[in-house]
Amino acid sequence: MLKTMRFVVSGRVQGVWFRAATRRQADSFGITGWVRNLPDGRVEGVARGADPVLAEFRRWLQRGPQLAHVLAVEWIATTDEEFDGFSIR
C-alpha cells in the first residue's frame, strides 16, 4: 500500500546540494513527490511510496548528503496524491 508523507528538514540543508541529493535518493527508492527550499532555511517535500522504502528514505533524510548537517526531520502523513516522478521545485 502506498502512503504520502510530508517532510520538513532543518539544519544546514540549503546550499549543500540537499534537494538534488534528495531527488537522487527518491529516484533510487522508486519514490515520487517533490522537494523545495523554504524561505526560513529549511527544506520541505512530499514523498509517496510503500512503507519499507519510505522508512529507508526517512533514515536517509536524517543524514542527508555529505555537506549537510541535519538537526531534525518532521515526518507527517498527508493527503494521498499522485506524482509523475520526483521533482525539485
C-alpha atoms as a PDB file:
ATOM      1  CA  MET A   1       0.000   0.000   0.000  1.00  0.00           C
ATOM      2  CA  LEU A   2       1.310   3.437  -0.928  1.00  0.00           C
ATOM      3  CA  LYS A   3       1.478   6.327   1.538  1.00  0.00           C
ATOM      4  CA  THR A   4       2.096  10.023   1.088  1.00  0.00           C
ATOM      5  CA  MET A   5       4.261  11.768   3.689  1.00  0.00           C
ATOM      6  CA  ARG A   6       5.240  15.419   4.106  1.00  0.00           C
ATOM      7  CA  PHE A   7       8.724  16.109   5.444  1.00  0.00           C
ATOM      8  CA  VAL A   8      10.485  19.228   6.697  1.00  0.00           C
ATOM      9  CA  VAL A   9      14.229  19.041   7.311  1.00  0.00           C
ATOM     10  CA  SER A  10      16.044  21.614   9.434  1.00  0.00           C
ATOM     11  CA  GLY A  11      19.729  22.276   9.983  1.00  0.00           C
ATOM     12  CA  ARG A  12      22.352  23.172   7.391  1.00  0.00           C
ATOM     13  CA  VAL A  13      20.303  21.904   4.455  1.00  0.00           C
ATOM     14  CA  GLN A  14      20.428  24.740   1.915  1.00  0.00           C
ATOM     15  CA  GLY A  15      23.465  25.430  -0.239  1.00  0.00           C
ATOM     16  CA  VAL A  16      24.739  21.869   0.254  1.00  0.00           C
ATOM     17  CA  TRP A  17      23.032  20.128  -2.691  1.00  0.00           C
ATOM     18  CA  PHE A  18      20.335  18.717  -0.393  1.00  0.00           C
ATOM     19  CA  ARG A  19      17.479  18.938  -2.929  1.00  0.00           C
ATOM     20  CA  ALA A  20      19.469  17.304  -5.740  1.00  0.00           C
ATOM     21  CA  ALA A  21      20.658  14.513  -3.439  1.00  0.00           C
ATOM     22  CA  THR A  22      17.096  14.039  -2.162  1.00  0.00           C
ATOM     23  CA  ARG A  23      15.822  13.625  -5.716  1.00  0.00           C
ATOM     24  CA  ARG A  24      18.556  11.067  -6.487  1.00  0.00           C
ATOM     25  CA  GLN A  25      17.683   9.084  -3.358  1.00  0.00           C
ATOM     26  CA  ALA A  26      13.957   9.239  -4.082  1.00  0.00           C
ATOM     27  CA  ASP A  27      14.567   8.045  -7.646  1.00  0.00           C
ATOM     28  CA  SER A  28      16.733   5.171  -6.391  1.00  0.00           C
ATOM     29  CA  PHE A  29      13.955   4.096  -3.976  1.00  0.00           C
ATOM     30  CA  GLY A  30      11.185   4.500  -6.560  1.00  0.00           C
ATOM     31  CA  ILE A  31       9.578   7.278  -4.511  1.00  0.00           C
ATOM     32  CA  THR A  32       7.557  10.009  -6.206  1.00  0.00           C
ATOM     33  CA  GLY A  33       6.885  13.545  -4.964  1.00  0.00           C
ATOM     34  CA  TRP A  34       8.832  16.794  -4.732  1.00  0.00           C
ATOM     35  CA  VAL A  35      11.296  18.821  -2.649  1.00  0.00           C
ATOM     36  CA  ARG A  36      11.882  22.582  -2.268  1.00  0.00           C
ATOM     37  CA  ASN A  37      13.735  25.149  -0.185  1.00  0.00           C
ATOM     38  CA  LEU A  38      11.764  27.193   2.339  1.00  0.00           C
ATOM     39  CA  PRO A  39      12.489  30.877   2.991  1.00  0.00           C
ATOM     40  CA  ASP A  40      13.460  30.109   6.612  1.00  0.00           C
ATOM     41  CA  GLY A  41      16.375  27.847   5.591  1.00  0.00           C
ATOM     42  CA  ARG A  42      14.605  24.502   5.919  1.00  0.00           C
ATOM     43  CA  VAL A  43      13.805  22.032   3.143  1.00  0.00           C
ATOM     44  CA  GLU A  44      10.261  20.742   2.613  1.00  0.00           C
ATOM     45  CA  GLY A  45       8.944  17.927   0.489  1.00  0.00           C
ATOM     46  CA  VAL A  46       6.344  15.284  -0.127  1.00  0.00           C
ATOM     47  CA  ALA A  47       7.190  11.622  -0.688  1.00  0.00           C
ATOM     48  CA  ARG A  48       4.896   8.853  -1.915  1.00  0.00           C
ATOM     49  CA  GLY A  49       5.840   5.201  -1.754  1.00  0.00           C
ATOM     50  CA  ALA A  50       5.477   1.901   0.085  1.00  0.00           C
ATOM     51  CA  ASP A  51       6.142   1.793   3.833  1.00  0.00           C
ATOM     52  CA  PRO A  52       9.515  -0.019   3.674  1.00  0.00           C
ATOM     53  CA  VAL A  53      11.033   2.374   1.121  1.00  0.00           C
ATOM     54  CA  LEU A  54       9.605   5.419   2.906  1.00  0.00           C
ATOM     55  CA  ALA A  55      11.290   4.203   6.100  1.00  0.00           C
ATOM     56  CA  GLU A  56      14.644   3.933   4.258  1.00  0.00           C
ATOM     57  CA  PHE A  57      14.118   7.361   2.695  1.00  0.00           C
ATOM     58  CA  ARG A  58      13.364   8.870   6.101  1.00  0.00           C
ATOM     59  CA  ARG A  59      16.579   7.379   7.519  1.00  0.00           C
ATOM     60  CA  TRP A  60      18.483   8.922   4.612  1.00  0.00           C
ATOM     61  CA  LEU A  61      16.831  12.342   5.242  1.00  0.00           C
ATOM     62  CA  GLN A  62      18.057  12.193   8.840  1.00  0.00           C
ATOM     63  CA  ARG A  63      21.636  12.070   7.495  1.00  0.00           C
ATOM     64  CA  GLY A  64      21.314  13.937   4.201  1.00  0.00           C
ATOM     65  CA  PRO A  65      24.176  14.439   1.761  1.00  0.00           C
ATOM     66  CA  GLN A  66      27.775  14.742   2.919  1.00  0.00           C
ATOM     67  CA  LEU A  67      27.880  18.549   3.337  1.00  0.00           C
ATOM     68  CA  ALA A  68      24.554  18.779   5.167  1.00  0.00           C
ATOM     69  CA  HIS A  69      24.106  18.878   8.928  1.00  0.00           C
ATOM     70  CA  VAL A  70      20.572  17.697   9.699  1.00  0.00           C
ATOM     71  CA  LEU A  71      19.178  18.745  13.069  1.00  0.00           C
ATOM     72  CA  ALA A  72      15.617  17.444  12.742  1.00  0.00           C
ATOM     73  CA  VAL A  73      13.187  15.813  10.329  1.00  0.00           C
ATOM     74  CA  GLU A  74       9.445  16.331  10.721  1.00  0.00           C
ATOM     75  CA  TRP A  75       7.605  13.416   9.103  1.00  0.00           C
ATOM     76  CA  ILE A  76       3.827  13.812   8.818  1.00  0.00           C
ATOM     77  CA  ALA A  77       1.205  11.732   6.993  1.00  0.00           C
ATOM     78  CA  THR A  78      -0.702  13.827   4.472  1.00  0.00           C
ATOM     79  CA  THR A  79      -3.455  13.505   1.899  1.00  0.00           C
ATOM     80  CA  ASP A  80      -2.644  10.960  -0.802  1.00  0.00           C
ATOM     81  CA  GLU A  81      -1.510  12.478  -4.075  1.00  0.00           C
ATOM     82  CA  GLU A  82      -0.246  11.046  -7.347  1.00  0.00           C
ATOM     83  CA  PHE A  83       3.032  12.328  -8.801  1.00  0.00           C
ATOM     84  CA  ASP A  84       4.910  11.753 -12.053  1.00  0.00           C
ATOM     85  CA  GLY A  85       8.381  11.111 -10.683  1.00  0.00           C
ATOM     86  CA  PHE A  86      10.211  13.189  -8.084  1.00  0.00           C
ATOM     87  CA  SER A  87      10.857  16.860  -8.804  1.00  0.00           C
ATOM     88  CA  ILE A  88      12.725  19.835  -7.379  1.00  0.00           C
ATOM     89  CA  ARG A  89      10.502  22.880  -7.024  1.00  0.00           C
END
